[in-house]
Amino acid sequence: MKILVVDDEIDVKDLFQQRFRKEIRKGELTFMFAFSGEEALQTLNTMEHEAILILSDINMPGMSGLVLLEKIKKNYVKPPPTVMMITAYGDDENYNTAMKLGADDFLTKPVDFKLLKQKLLKN
């Protein structure tokens, strides 16, 4: 499964590669990284017919994760990507907005990698 992680924190890349080392080595998961909403859309435009899962932070400078989510759900319908939102603020407003915009799941930071692994490997 291909996973696009969208987060303005650069060290997220090392963290994911470390936490999913075995799954990456076995070829179960492939990670790509975008450090802004704009970069995520550019990446998606190069992968037209691939089913992917997107893990996106909500609070980013420039395009927020919620704006990105809205654009993804409106413009990328075949095959529709699964989008999980991640935020340090697990407040009801962010949750409700993300769900209304079509988020498939919602996680809070710090990410529980054990739970995330279960969710990713069952998809």
PDB file of N, CA and C in Angstrom:
ATOM      1  N   MET A   1       0.830  -1.177   0.000  1.00  0.00           N
ATOM      2  CA  MET A   1       0.000   0.000   0.000  1.00  0.00           C
ATOM      3  C   MET A   1       0.879   1.246   0.000  1.00  0.00           C
ATOM      4  N   LYS A   2       0.491   2.227  -0.812  1.00  0.00           N
ATOM      5  CA  LYS A   2       1.212   3.497  -0.882  1.00  0.00           C
ATOM      6  C   LYS A   2       0.571   4.485   0.078  1.00  0.00           C
ATOM      7  N   ILE A   3       1.412   5.158   0.853  1.00  0.00           N
ATOM      8  CA  ILE A   3       0.928   6.126   1.832  1.00  0.00           C
ATOM      9  C   ILE A   3       1.641   7.446   1.618  1.00  0.00           C
ATOM     10  N   LEU A   4       0.863   8.509   1.495  1.00  0.00           N
ATOM     11  CA  LEU A   4       1.406   9.856   1.377  1.00  0.00           C
ATOM     12  C   LEU A   4       1.203  10.553   2.715  1.00  0.00           C
ATOM     13  N   VAL A   5       2.297  10.903   3.369  1.00  0.00           N
ATOM     14  CA  VAL A   5       2.247  11.600   4.657  1.00  0.00           C
ATOM     15  C   VAL A   5       2.457  13.087   4.382  1.00  0.00           C
ATOM     16  N   VAL A   6       1.505  13.908   4.837  1.00  0.00           N
ATOM     17  CA  VAL A   6       1.567  15.346   4.604  1.00  0.00           C
ATOM     18  C   VAL A   6       1.696  16.046   5.954  1.00  0.00           C
ATOM     19  N   ASP A   7       2.839  16.676   6.177  1.00  0.00           N
ATOM     20  CA  ASP A   7       3.075  17.343   7.454  1.00  0.00           C
ATOM     21  C   ASP A   7       4.186  18.364   7.255  1.00  0.00           C
ATOM     22  N   ASP A   8       4.045  19.541   7.859  1.00  0.00           N
ATOM     23  CA  ASP A   8       5.086  20.564   7.695  1.00  0.00           C
ATOM     24  C   ASP A   8       6.303  20.304   8.582  1.00  0.00           C
ATOM     25  N   GLU A   9       6.224  19.319   9.466  1.00  0.00           N
ATOM     26  CA  GLU A   9       7.367  18.955  10.312  1.00  0.00           C
ATOM     27  C   GLU A   9       8.259  17.979   9.536  1.00  0.00           C
ATOM     28  N   ILE A  10       9.452  18.408   9.170  1.00  0.00           N
ATOM     29  CA  ILE A  10      10.356  17.596   8.346  1.00  0.00           C
ATOM     30  C   ILE A  10      10.745  16.279   9.046  1.00  0.00           C
ATOM     31  N   ASP A  11      10.899  16.310  10.379  1.00  0.00           N
ATOM     32  CA  ASP A  11      11.343  15.102  11.094  1.00  0.00           C
ATOM     33  C   ASP A  11      10.315  13.975  11.105  1.00  0.00           C
ATOM     34  N   VAL A  12       9.118  14.261  10.637  1.00  0.00           N
ATOM     35  CA  VAL A  12       8.085  13.224  10.536  1.00  0.00           C
ATOM     36  C   VAL A  12       8.553  12.107   9.600  1.00  0.00           C
ATOM     37  N   LYS A  13       9.291  12.478   8.567  1.00  0.00           N
ATOM     38  CA  LYS A  13       9.791  11.496   7.600  1.00  0.00           C
ATOM     39  C   LYS A  13      10.649  10.440   8.298  1.00  0.00           C
ATOM     40  N   ASP A  14      11.635  10.886   9.089  1.00  0.00           N
ATOM     41  CA  ASP A  14      12.497   9.941   9.815  1.00  0.00           C
ATOM     42  C   ASP A  14      11.688   9.093  10.787  1.00  0.00           C
ATOM     43  N   LEU A  15      10.750   9.726  11.465  1.00  0.00           N
ATOM     44  CA  LEU A  15       9.922   9.030  12.446  1.00  0.00           C
ATOM     45  C   LEU A  15       9.136   7.887  11.795  1.00  0.00           C
ATOM     46  N   PHE A  16       8.473   8.168  10.678  1.00  0.00           N
ATOM     47  CA  PHE A  16       7.694   7.132   9.990  1.00  0.00           C
ATOM     48  C   PHE A  16       8.597   6.040   9.442  1.00  0.00           C
ATOM     49  N   GLN A  17       9.734   6.414   8.864  1.00  0.00           N
ATOM     50  CA  GLN A  17      10.633   5.413   8.305  1.00  0.00           C
ATOM     51  C   GLN A  17      11.196   4.515   9.395  1.00  0.00           C
ATOM     52  N   GLN A  18      11.388   5.078  10.571  1.00  0.00           N
ATOM     53  CA  GLN A  18      11.878   4.309  11.706  1.00  0.00           C
ATOM     54  C   GLN A  18      10.791   3.366  12.233  1.00  0.00           C
ATOM     55  N   ARG A  19       9.599   3.909  12.463  1.00  0.00           N
ATOM     56  CA  ARG A  19       8.509   3.134  13.059  1.00  0.00           C
ATOM     57  C   ARG A  19       7.964   2.035  12.148  1.00  0.00           C
ATOM     58  N   PHE A  20       8.102   2.216  10.833  1.00  0.00           N
ATOM     59  CA  PHE A  20       7.570   1.237   9.876  1.00  0.00           C
ATOM     60  C   PHE A  20       8.679   0.536   9.103  1.00  0.00           C
ATOM     61  N   ARG A  21       9.870   0.479   9.717  1.00  0.00           N
ATOM     62  CA  ARG A  21      11.043  -0.116   9.056  1.00  0.00           C
ATOM     63  C   ARG A  21      10.750  -1.514   8.510  1.00  0.00           C
ATOM     64  N   LYS A  22      10.168  -2.382   9.356  1.00  0.00           N
ATOM     65  CA  LYS A  22       9.892  -3.774   8.932  1.00  0.00           C
ATOM     66  C   LYS A  22       8.913  -3.826   7.772  1.00  0.00           C
ATOM     67  N   GLU A  23       7.827  -3.066   7.878  1.00  0.00           N
ATOM     68  CA  GLU A  23       6.788  -3.080   6.844  1.00  0.00           C
ATOM     69  C   GLU A  23       7.313  -2.528   5.519  1.00  0.00           C
ATOM     70  N   ILE A  24       8.204  -1.547   5.607  1.00  0.00           N
ATOM     71  CA  ILE A  24       8.803  -0.974   4.392  1.00  0.00           C
ATOM     72  C   ILE A  24       9.733  -2.012   3.759  1.00  0.00           C
ATOM     73  N   ARG A  25      10.549  -2.657   4.591  1.00  0.00           N
ATOM     74  CA  ARG A  25      11.488  -3.668   4.090  1.00  0.00           C
ATOM     75  C   ARG A  25      10.750  -4.832   3.425  1.00  0.00           C
ATOM     76  N   LYS A  26       9.644  -5.250   4.025  1.00  0.00           N
ATOM     77  CA  LYS A  26       8.865  -6.366   3.466  1.00  0.00           C
ATOM     78  C   LYS A  26       8.064  -5.960   2.237  1.00  0.00           C
ATOM     79  N   GLY A  27       8.004  -4.648   1.951  1.00  0.00           N
ATOM     80  CA  GLY A  27       7.242  -4.177   0.799  1.00  0.00           C
ATOM     81  C   GLY A  27       5.754  -4.072   1.075  1.00  0.00           C
ATOM     82  N   GLU A  28       5.353  -4.144   2.353  1.00  0.00           N
ATOM     83  CA  GLU A  28       3.923  -4.042   2.695  1.00  0.00           C
ATOM     84  C   GLU A  28       3.429  -2.604   2.578  1.00  0.00           C
ATOM     85  N   LEU A  29       4.300  -1.663   2.912  1.00  0.00           N
ATOM     86  CA  LEU A  29       3.939  -0.243   2.878  1.00  0.00           C
ATOM     87  C   LEU A  29       5.030   0.549   2.172  1.00  0.00           C
ATOM     88  N   THR A  30       4.620   1.528   1.382  1.00  0.00           N
ATOM     89  CA  THR A  30       5.542   2.441   0.727  1.00  0.00           C
ATOM     90  C   THR A  30       5.146   3.837   1.153  1.00  0.00           C
ATOM     91  N   PHE A  31       6.086   4.591   1.677  1.00  0.00           N
ATOM     92  CA  PHE A  31       5.793   5.946   2.132  1.00  0.00           C
ATOM     93  C   PHE A  31       6.356   6.996   1.193  1.00  0.00           C
ATOM     94  N   MET A  32       5.566   8.040   0.985  1.00  0.00           N
ATOM     95  CA  MET A  32       6.006   9.234   0.278  1.00  0.00           C
ATOM     96  C   MET A  32       5.688  10.390   1.222  1.00  0.00           C
ATOM     97  N   PHE A  33       6.403  11.482   1.084  1.00  0.00           N
ATOM     98  CA  PHE A  33       6.220  12.596   2.011  1.00  0.00           C
ATOM     99  C   PHE A  33       6.053  13.905   1.263  1.00  0.00           C
ATOM    100  N   ALA A  34       5.129  14.728   1.752  1.00  0.00           N
ATOM    101  CA  ALA A  34       4.940  16.089   1.244  1.00  0.00           C
ATOM    102  C   ALA A  34       4.928  16.992   2.469  1.00  0.00           C
ATOM    103  N   PHE A  35       5.578  18.135   2.364  1.00  0.00           N
ATOM    104  CA  PHE A  35       5.713  18.998   3.532  1.00  0.00           C
ATOM    105  C   PHE A  35       4.802  20.222   3.490  1.00  0.00           C
ATOM    106  N   SER A  36       3.815  20.176   2.583  1.00  0.00           N
ATOM    107  CA  SER A  36       2.779  21.214   2.532  1.00  0.00           C
ATOM    108  C   SER A  36       1.597  20.651   1.756  1.00  0.00           C
ATOM    109  N   GLY A  37       0.453  21.296   1.904  1.00  0.00           N
ATOM    110  CA  GLY A  37      -0.728  20.885   1.148  1.00  0.00           C
ATOM    111  C   GLY A  37      -0.499  21.018  -0.341  1.00  0.00           C
ATOM    112  N   GLU A  38       0.173  22.115  -0.718  1.00  0.00           N
ATOM    113  CA  GLU A  38       0.454  22.356  -2.140  1.00  0.00           C
ATOM    114  C   GLU A  38       1.327  21.239  -2.715  1.00  0.00           C
ATOM    115  N   GLU A  39       2.358  20.846  -1.962  1.00  0.00           N
ATOM    116  CA  GLU A  39       3.256  19.780  -2.412  1.00  0.00           C
ATOM    117  C   GLU A  39       2.499  18.448  -2.507  1.00  0.00           C
ATOM    118  N   ALA A  40       1.569  18.226  -1.589  1.00  0.00           N
ATOM    119  CA  ALA A  40       0.766  16.992  -1.612  1.00  0.00           C
ATOM    120  C   ALA A  40      -0.062  16.916  -2.894  1.00  0.00           C
ATOM    121  N   LEU A  41      -0.661  18.032  -3.295  1.00  0.00           N
ATOM    122  CA  LEU A  41      -1.462  18.035  -4.528  1.00  0.00           C
ATOM    123  C   LEU A  41      -0.582  17.798  -5.749  1.00  0.00           C
ATOM    124  N   GLN A  42       0.625  18.362  -5.762  1.00  0.00           N
ATOM    125  CA  GLN A  42       1.553  18.120  -6.878  1.00  0.00           C
ATOM    126  C   GLN A  42       1.893  16.629  -6.959  1.00  0.00           C
ATOM    127  N   THR A  43       2.135  16.014  -5.808  1.00  0.00           N
ATOM    128  CA  THR A  43       2.457  14.587  -5.761  1.00  0.00           C
ATOM    129  C   THR A  43       1.276  13.763  -6.277  1.00  0.00           C
ATOM    130  N   LEU A  44       0.080  14.096  -5.814  1.00  0.00           N
ATOM    131  CA  LEU A  44      -1.110  13.359  -6.251  1.00  0.00           C
ATOM    132  C   LEU A  44      -1.318  13.473  -7.759  1.00  0.00           C
ATOM    133  N   ASN A  45      -0.983  14.617  -8.322  1.00  0.00           N
ATOM    134  CA  ASN A  45      -1.152  14.807  -9.767  1.00  0.00           C
ATOM    135  C   ASN A  45      -0.241  13.910 -10.589  1.00  0.00           C
ATOM    136  N   THR A  46       0.839  13.418  -9.984  1.00  0.00           N
ATOM    137  CA  THR A  46       1.750  12.546 -10.724  1.00  0.00           C
ATOM    138  C   THR A  46       1.361  11.071 -10.580  1.00  0.00           C
ATOM    139  N   MET A  47       0.357  10.765  -9.784  1.00  0.00           N
ATOM    140  CA  MET A  47       0.006   9.371  -9.486  1.00  0.00           C
ATOM    141  C   MET A  47      -1.426   9.039  -9.877  1.00  0.00           C
ATOM    142  N   GLU A  48      -1.828   9.414 -11.040  1.00  0.00           N
ATOM    143  CA  GLU A  48      -3.227   9.382 -11.393  1.00  0.00           C
ATOM    144  C   GLU A  48      -4.055   8.166 -11.026  1.00  0.00           C
ATOM    145  N   HIS A  49      -3.624   6.978 -11.361  1.00  0.00           N
ATOM    146  CA  HIS A  49      -4.524   5.839 -11.169  1.00  0.00           C
ATOM    147  C   HIS A  49      -4.096   4.910 -10.056  1.00  0.00           C
ATOM    148  N   GLU A  50      -3.398   5.444  -9.079  1.00  0.00           N
ATOM    149  CA  GLU A  50      -2.964   4.596  -7.975  1.00  0.00           C
ATOM    150  C   GLU A  50      -3.822   4.848  -6.752  1.00  0.00           C
ATOM    151  N   ALA A  51      -4.259   3.760  -6.127  1.00  0.00           N
ATOM    152  CA  ALA A  51      -5.017   3.892  -4.884  1.00  0.00           C
ATOM    153  C   ALA A  51      -4.014   4.148  -3.770  1.00  0.00           C
ATOM    154  N   ILE A  52      -4.251   5.197  -3.008  1.00  0.00           N
ATOM    155  CA  ILE A  52      -3.322   5.488  -1.920  1.00  0.00           C
ATOM    156  C   ILE A  52      -4.082   5.903  -0.671  1.00  0.00           C
ATOM    157  N   LEU A  53      -3.346   5.912   0.409  1.00  0.00           N
ATOM    158  CA  LEU A  53      -3.871   6.398   1.665  1.00  0.00           C
ATOM    159  C   LEU A  53      -3.094   7.660   2.013  1.00  0.00           C
ATOM    160  N   ILE A  54      -3.792   8.687   2.447  1.00  0.00           N
ATOM    161  CA  ILE A  54      -3.143   9.953   2.770  1.00  0.00           C
ATOM    162  C   ILE A  54      -3.289  10.205   4.269  1.00  0.00           C
ATOM    163  N   LEU A  55      -2.177  10.483   4.921  1.00  0.00           N
ATOM    164  CA  LEU A  55      -2.166  10.876   6.333  1.00  0.00           C
ATOM    165  C   LEU A  55      -1.797  12.348   6.333  1.00  0.00           C
ATOM    166  N   SER A  56      -2.716  13.208   6.734  1.00  0.00           N
ATOM    167  CA  SER A  56      -2.422  14.640   6.661  1.00  0.00           C
ATOM    168  C   SER A  56      -2.596  15.341   7.995  1.00  0.00           C
ATOM    169  N   ASP A  57      -1.603  16.156   8.303  1.00  0.00           N
ATOM    170  CA  ASP A  57      -1.690  17.048   9.450  1.00  0.00           C
ATOM    171  C   ASP A  57      -2.750  18.100   9.114  1.00  0.00           C
ATOM    172  N   ILE A  58      -3.424  18.632  10.125  1.00  0.00           N
ATOM    173  CA  ILE A  58      -4.420  19.675   9.872  1.00  0.00           C
ATOM    174  C   ILE A  58      -3.775  21.055   9.887  1.00  0.00           C
ATOM    175  N   ASN A  59      -2.954  21.326  10.899  1.00  0.00           N
ATOM    176  CA  ASN A  59      -2.387  22.664  11.064  1.00  0.00           C
ATOM    177  C   ASN A  59      -1.038  22.795  10.369  1.00  0.00           C
ATOM    178  N   MET A  60      -1.076  23.409   9.173  1.00  0.00           N
ATOM    179  CA  MET A  60       0.149  23.638   8.407  1.00  0.00           C
ATOM    180  C   MET A  60       0.096  25.053   7.862  1.00  0.00           C
ATOM    181  N   PRO A  61       1.266  25.687   7.696  1.00  0.00           N
ATOM    182  CA  PRO A  61       1.255  27.023   7.071  1.00  0.00           C
ATOM    183  C   PRO A  61       0.813  26.895   5.612  1.00  0.00           C
ATOM    184  N   GLY A  62       0.272  27.955   5.068  1.00  0.00           N
ATOM    185  CA  GLY A  62      -0.230  27.879   3.695  1.00  0.00           C
ATOM    186  C   GLY A  62      -1.551  27.128   3.692  1.00  0.00           C
ATOM    187  N   MET A  63      -1.646  26.122   2.857  1.00  0.00           N
ATOM    188  CA  MET A  63      -2.876  25.339   2.760  1.00  0.00           C
ATOM    189  C   MET A  63      -3.009  24.412   3.976  1.00  0.00           C
ATOM    190  N   SER A  64      -4.100  24.561   4.704  1.00  0.00           N
ATOM    191  CA  SER A  64      -4.304  23.690   5.870  1.00  0.00           C
ATOM    192  C   SER A  64      -4.694  22.288   5.414  1.00  0.00           C
ATOM    193  N   GLY A  65      -4.583  21.334   6.321  1.00  0.00           N
ATOM    194  CA  GLY A  65      -4.981  19.966   6.011  1.00  0.00           C
ATOM    195  C   GLY A  65      -6.459  19.856   5.673  1.00  0.00           C
ATOM    196  N   LEU A  66      -7.294  20.724   6.259  1.00  0.00           N
ATOM    197  CA  LEU A  66      -8.734  20.681   5.966  1.00  0.00           C
ATOM    198  C   LEU A  66      -9.024  21.159   4.550  1.00  0.00           C
ATOM    199  N   VAL A  67      -8.308  22.185   4.091  1.00  0.00           N
ATOM    200  CA  VAL A  67      -8.461  22.656   2.706  1.00  0.00           C
ATOM    201  C   VAL A  67      -7.957  21.566   1.755  1.00  0.00           C
ATOM    202  N   LEU A  68      -6.835  20.960   2.101  1.00  0.00           N
ATOM    203  CA  LEU A  68      -6.289  19.863   1.301  1.00  0.00           C
ATOM    204  C   LEU A  68      -7.301  18.720   1.206  1.00  0.00           C
ATOM    205  N   LEU A  69      -7.885  18.345   2.336  1.00  0.00           N
ATOM    206  CA  LEU A  69      -8.887  17.276   2.373  1.00  0.00           C
ATOM    207  C   LEU A  69     -10.043  17.583   1.431  1.00  0.00           C
ATOM    208  N   GLU A  70     -10.525  18.814   1.496  1.00  0.00           N
ATOM    209  CA  GLU A  70     -11.644  19.226   0.646  1.00  0.00           C
ATOM    210  C   GLU A  70     -11.286  19.086  -0.831  1.00  0.00           C
ATOM    211  N   LYS A  71     -10.077  19.524  -1.196  1.00  0.00           N
ATOM    212  CA  LYS A  71      -9.628  19.445  -2.595  1.00  0.00           C
ATOM    213  C   LYS A  71      -9.470  17.981  -3.034  1.00  0.00           C
ATOM    214  N   ILE A  72      -8.920  17.160  -2.151  1.00  0.00           N
ATOM    215  CA  ILE A  72      -8.721  15.744  -2.488  1.00  0.00           C
ATOM    216  C   ILE A  72     -10.061  15.067  -2.739  1.00  0.00           C
ATOM    217  N   LYS A  73     -11.002  15.275  -1.829  1.00  0.00           N
ATOM    218  CA  LYS A  73     -12.300  14.602  -1.948  1.00  0.00           C
ATOM    219  C   LYS A  73     -13.085  15.086  -3.155  1.00  0.00           C
ATOM    220  N   LYS A  74     -12.828  16.334  -3.577  1.00  0.00           N
ATOM    221  CA  LYS A  74     -13.550  16.878  -4.722  1.00  0.00           C
ATOM    222  C   LYS A  74     -12.902  16.476  -6.045  1.00  0.00           C
ATOM    223  N   ASN A  75     -11.555  16.439  -6.077  1.00  0.00           N
ATOM    224  CA  ASN A  75     -10.850  16.276  -7.350  1.00  0.00           C
ATOM    225  C   ASN A  75     -10.256  14.901  -7.628  1.00  0.00           C
ATOM    226  N   TYR A  76     -10.103  14.083  -6.591  1.00  0.00           N
ATOM    227  CA  TYR A  76      -9.463  12.781  -6.800  1.00  0.00           C
ATOM    228  C   TYR A  76     -10.473  11.692  -6.475  1.00  0.00           C
ATOM    229  N   VAL A  77     -11.279  11.357  -7.450  1.00  0.00           N
ATOM    230  CA  VAL A  77     -12.373  10.429  -7.180  1.00  0.00           C
ATOM    231  C   VAL A  77     -12.124   9.012  -7.683  1.00  0.00           C
ATOM    232  N   LYS A  78     -11.208   8.848  -8.628  1.00  0.00           N
ATOM    233  CA  LYS A  78     -10.959   7.509  -9.169  1.00  0.00           C
ATOM    234  C   LYS A  78      -9.489   7.184  -9.145  1.00  0.00           C
ATOM    235  N   PRO A  79      -9.034   6.223  -8.390  1.00  0.00           N
ATOM    236  CA  PRO A  79      -9.756   5.648  -7.256  1.00  0.00           C
ATOM    237  C   PRO A  79      -9.729   6.630  -6.094  1.00  0.00           C
ATOM    238  N   PRO A  80     -10.776   6.670  -5.292  1.00  0.00           N
ATOM    239  CA  PRO A  80     -10.779   7.654  -4.210  1.00  0.00           C
ATOM    240  C   PRO A  80      -9.751   7.307  -3.131  1.00  0.00           C
ATOM    241  N   PRO A  81      -8.879   8.252  -2.794  1.00  0.00           N
ATOM    242  CA  PRO A  81      -7.909   7.954  -1.736  1.00  0.00           C
ATOM    243  C   PRO A  81      -8.584   7.938  -0.365  1.00  0.00           C
ATOM    244  N   THR A  82      -8.059   7.133   0.526  1.00  0.00           N
ATOM    245  CA  THR A  82      -8.494   7.138   1.917  1.00  0.00           C
ATOM    246  C   THR A  82      -7.702   8.251   2.589  1.00  0.00           C
ATOM    247  N   VAL A  83      -8.369   9.118   3.345  1.00  0.00           N
ATOM    248  CA  VAL A  83      -7.667  10.234   3.983  1.00  0.00           C
ATOM    249  C   VAL A  83      -7.865  10.185   5.499  1.00  0.00           C
ATOM    250  N   MET A  84      -6.746  10.080   6.221  1.00  0.00           N
ATOM    251  CA  MET A  84      -6.764  10.123   7.684  1.00  0.00           C
ATOM    252  C   MET A  84      -6.153  11.456   8.106  1.00  0.00           C
ATOM    253  N   MET A  85      -6.866  12.194   8.920  1.00  0.00           N
ATOM    254  CA  MET A  85      -6.371  13.485   9.392  1.00  0.00           C
ATOM    255  C   MET A  85      -5.662  13.298  10.735  1.00  0.00           C
ATOM    256  N   ILE A  86      -4.583  14.057  10.913  1.00  0.00           N
ATOM    257  CA  ILE A  86      -3.813  13.984  12.158  1.00  0.00           C
ATOM    258  C   ILE A  86      -3.671  15.408  12.703  1.00  0.00           C
ATOM    259  N   THR A  87      -3.949  15.581  13.989  1.00  0.00           N
ATOM    260  CA  THR A  87      -3.800  16.907  14.568  1.00  0.00           C
ATOM    261  C   THR A  87      -3.363  16.843  16.021  1.00  0.00           C
ATOM    262  N   ALA A  88      -2.665  17.881  16.426  1.00  0.00           N
ATOM    263  CA  ALA A  88      -2.274  17.991  17.837  1.00  0.00           C
ATOM    264  C   ALA A  88      -3.468  18.484  18.646  1.00  0.00           C
ATOM    265  N   TYR A  89      -4.456  19.011  17.942  1.00  0.00           N
ATOM    266  CA  TYR A  89      -5.636  19.547  18.607  1.00  0.00           C
ATOM    267  C   TYR A  89      -6.821  18.643  18.335  1.00  0.00           C
ATOM    268  N   GLY A  90      -7.126  17.755  19.267  1.00  0.00           N
ATOM    269  CA  GLY A  90      -8.227  16.808  19.062  1.00  0.00           C
ATOM    270  C   GLY A  90      -9.559  17.413  19.447  1.00  0.00           C
ATOM    271  N   ASP A  91      -9.754  18.683  19.091  1.00  0.00           N
ATOM    272  CA  ASP A  91     -10.986  19.344  19.491  1.00  0.00           C
ATOM    273  C   ASP A  91     -12.142  18.959  18.576  1.00  0.00           C
ATOM    274  N   ASP A  92     -13.346  19.141  19.081  1.00  0.00           N
ATOM    275  CA  ASP A  92     -14.549  18.764  18.335  1.00  0.00           C
ATOM    276  C   ASP A  92     -14.688  19.513  17.022  1.00  0.00           C
ATOM    277  N   GLU A  93     -14.285  20.779  17.009  1.00  0.00           N
ATOM    278  CA  GLU A  93     -14.459  21.573  15.792  1.00  0.00           C
ATOM    279  C   GLU A  93     -13.650  20.996  14.633  1.00  0.00           C
ATOM    280  N   ASN A  94     -12.351  20.714  14.881  1.00  0.00           N
ATOM    281  CA  ASN A  94     -11.515  20.109  13.833  1.00  0.00           C
ATOM    282  C   ASN A  94     -12.067  18.753  13.424  1.00  0.00           C
ATOM    283  N   TYR A  95     -12.452  17.940  14.411  1.00  0.00           N
ATOM    284  CA  TYR A  95     -12.978  16.605  14.137  1.00  0.00           C
ATOM    285  C   TYR A  95     -14.235  16.691  13.272  1.00  0.00           C
ATOM    286  N   ASN A  96     -15.181  17.519  13.703  1.00  0.00           N
ATOM    287  CA  ASN A  96     -16.450  17.628  12.971  1.00  0.00           C
ATOM    288  C   ASN A  96     -16.241  18.168  11.562  1.00  0.00           C
ATOM    289  N   THR A  97     -15.376  19.165  11.422  1.00  0.00           N
ATOM    290  CA  THR A  97     -15.104  19.729  10.096  1.00  0.00           C
ATOM    291  C   THR A  97     -14.459  18.671   9.205  1.00  0.00           C
ATOM    292  N   ALA A  98     -13.473  17.957   9.732  1.00  0.00           N
ATOM    293  CA  ALA A  98     -12.790  16.919   8.952  1.00  0.00           C
ATOM    294  C   ALA A  98     -13.782  15.842   8.510  1.00  0.00           C
ATOM    295  N   MET A  99     -14.651  15.411   9.403  1.00  0.00           N
ATOM    296  CA  MET A  99     -15.614  14.365   9.048  1.00  0.00           C
ATOM    297  C   MET A  99     -16.622  14.870   8.017  1.00  0.00           C
ATOM    298  N   LYS A 100     -17.050  16.123   8.165  1.00  0.00           N
ATOM    299  CA  LYS A 100     -18.001  16.708   7.223  1.00  0.00           C
ATOM    300  C   LYS A 100     -17.390  16.792   5.822  1.00  0.00           C
ATOM    301  N   LEU A 101     -16.072  17.042   5.770  1.00  0.00           N
ATOM    302  CA  LEU A 101     -15.384  17.168   4.482  1.00  0.00           C
ATOM    303  C   LEU A 101     -15.031  15.798   3.887  1.00  0.00           C
ATOM    304  N   GLY A 102     -15.313  14.726   4.617  1.00  0.00           N
ATOM    305  CA  GLY A 102     -15.102  13.393   4.060  1.00  0.00           C
ATOM    306  C   GLY A 102     -13.896  12.635   4.573  1.00  0.00           C
ATOM    307  N   ALA A 103     -13.304  13.074   5.699  1.00  0.00           N
ATOM    308  CA  ALA A 103     -12.167  12.325   6.252  1.00  0.00           C
ATOM    309  C   ALA A 103     -12.604  10.900   6.573  1.00  0.00           C
ATOM    310  N   ASP A 104     -11.716   9.953   6.321  1.00  0.00           N
ATOM    311  CA  ASP A 104     -12.022   8.548   6.600  1.00  0.00           C
ATOM    312  C   ASP A 104     -11.659   8.164   8.028  1.00  0.00           C
ATOM    313  N   ASP A 105     -10.782   8.944   8.655  1.00  0.00           N
ATOM    314  CA  ASP A 105     -10.366   8.651  10.022  1.00  0.00           C
ATOM    315  C   ASP A 105      -9.724   9.901  10.599  1.00  0.00           C
ATOM    316  N   PHE A 106      -9.534   9.919  11.910  1.00  0.00           N
ATOM    317  CA  PHE A 106      -9.004  11.099  12.599  1.00  0.00           C
ATOM    318  C   PHE A 106      -8.128  10.626  13.742  1.00  0.00           C
ATOM    319  N   LEU A 107      -6.878  11.079  13.772  1.00  0.00           N
ATOM    320  CA  LEU A 107      -5.946  10.688  14.828  1.00  0.00           C
ATOM    321  C   LEU A 107      -5.396  11.939  15.503  1.00  0.00           C
ATOM    322  N   THR A 108      -5.022  11.815  16.777  1.00  0.00           N
ATOM    323  CA  THR A 108      -4.423  12.961  17.455  1.00  0.00           C
ATOM    324  C   THR A 108      -2.937  12.696  17.703  1.00  0.00           C
ATOM    325  N   LYS A 109      -2.172  13.802  17.759  1.00  0.00           N
ATOM    326  CA  LYS A 109      -0.743  13.719  18.053  1.00  0.00           C
ATOM    327  C   LYS A 109      -0.575  13.740  19.562  1.00  0.00           C
ATOM    328  N   PRO A 110       0.424  13.134  20.141  1.00  0.00           N
ATOM    329  CA  PRO A 110       1.387  12.306  19.422  1.00  0.00           C
ATOM    330  C   PRO A 110       0.713  11.047  18.875  1.00  0.00           C
ATOM    331  N   VAL A 111       1.108  10.660  17.678  1.00  0.00           N
ATOM    332  CA  VAL A 111       0.491   9.515  17.005  1.00  0.00           C
ATOM    333  C   VAL A 111       0.805   8.232  17.760  1.00  0.00           C
ATOM    334  N   ASP A 112      -0.231   7.448  17.982  1.00  0.00           N
ATOM    335  CA  ASP A 112      -0.072   6.122  18.578  1.00  0.00           C
ATOM    336  C   ASP A 112       0.281   5.184  17.420  1.00  0.00           C
ATOM    337  N   PHE A 113       1.578   4.899  17.256  1.00  0.00           N
ATOM    338  CA  PHE A 113       2.026   4.141  16.084  1.00  0.00           C
ATOM    339  C   PHE A 113       1.530   2.704  16.084  1.00  0.00           C
ATOM    340  N   LYS A 114       1.306   2.147  17.263  1.00  0.00           N
ATOM    341  CA  LYS A 114       0.777   0.784  17.328  1.00  0.00           C
ATOM    342  C   LYS A 114      -0.638   0.758  16.727  1.00  0.00           C
ATOM    343  N   LEU A 115      -1.450   1.725  17.116  1.00  0.00           N
ATOM    344  CA  LEU A 115      -2.812   1.842  16.589  1.00  0.00           C
ATOM    345  C   LEU A 115      -2.780   2.145  15.092  1.00  0.00           C
ATOM    346  N   LEU A 116      -1.899   3.057  14.687  1.00  0.00           N
ATOM    347  CA  LEU A 116      -1.802   3.421  13.276  1.00  0.00           C
ATOM    348  C   LEU A 116      -1.412   2.205  12.435  1.00  0.00           C
ATOM    349  N   LYS A 117      -0.454   1.414  12.925  1.00  0.00           N
ATOM    350  CA  LYS A 117      -0.044   0.196  12.209  1.00  0.00           C
ATOM    351  C   LYS A 117      -1.225  -0.732  12.007  1.00  0.00           C
ATOM    352  N   GLN A 118      -2.011  -0.926  13.051  1.00  0.00           N
ATOM    353  CA  GLN A 118      -3.194  -1.793  12.946  1.00  0.00           C
ATOM    354  C   GLN A 118      -4.133  -1.273  11.879  1.00  0.00           C
ATOM    355  N   LYS A 119      -4.389   0.028  11.872  1.00  0.00           N
ATOM    356  CA  LYS A 119      -5.297   0.624  10.891  1.00  0.00           C
ATOM    357  C   LYS A 119      -4.750   0.488   9.470  1.00  0.00           C
ATOM    358  N   LEU A 120      -3.455   0.734   9.292  1.00  0.00           N
ATOM    359  CA  LEU A 120      -2.860   0.684   7.956  1.00  0.00           C
ATOM    360  C   LEU A 120      -2.794  -0.729   7.408  1.00  0.00           C
ATOM    361  N   LEU A 121      -2.473  -1.668   8.243  1.00  0.00           N
ATOM    362  CA  LEU A 121      -2.292  -3.030   7.744  1.00  0.00           C
ATOM    363  C   LEU A 121      -3.605  -3.777   7.578  1.00  0.00           C
ATOM    364  N   LYS A 122      -4.699  -3.235   8.112  1.00  0.00           N
ATOM    365  CA  LYS A 122      -5.989  -3.897   7.878  1.00  0.00           C
ATOM    366  C   LYS A 122      -6.664  -3.357   6.623  1.00  0.00           C
ATOM    367  N   ASN A 123      -6.198  -2.201   6.128  1.00  0.00           N
ATOM    368  CA  ASN A 123      -6.790  -1.604   4.915  1.00  0.00           C
ATOM    369  C   ASN A 123      -6.494  -2.421   3.689  1.00  0.00           C
TER     370      ASN A 123
END
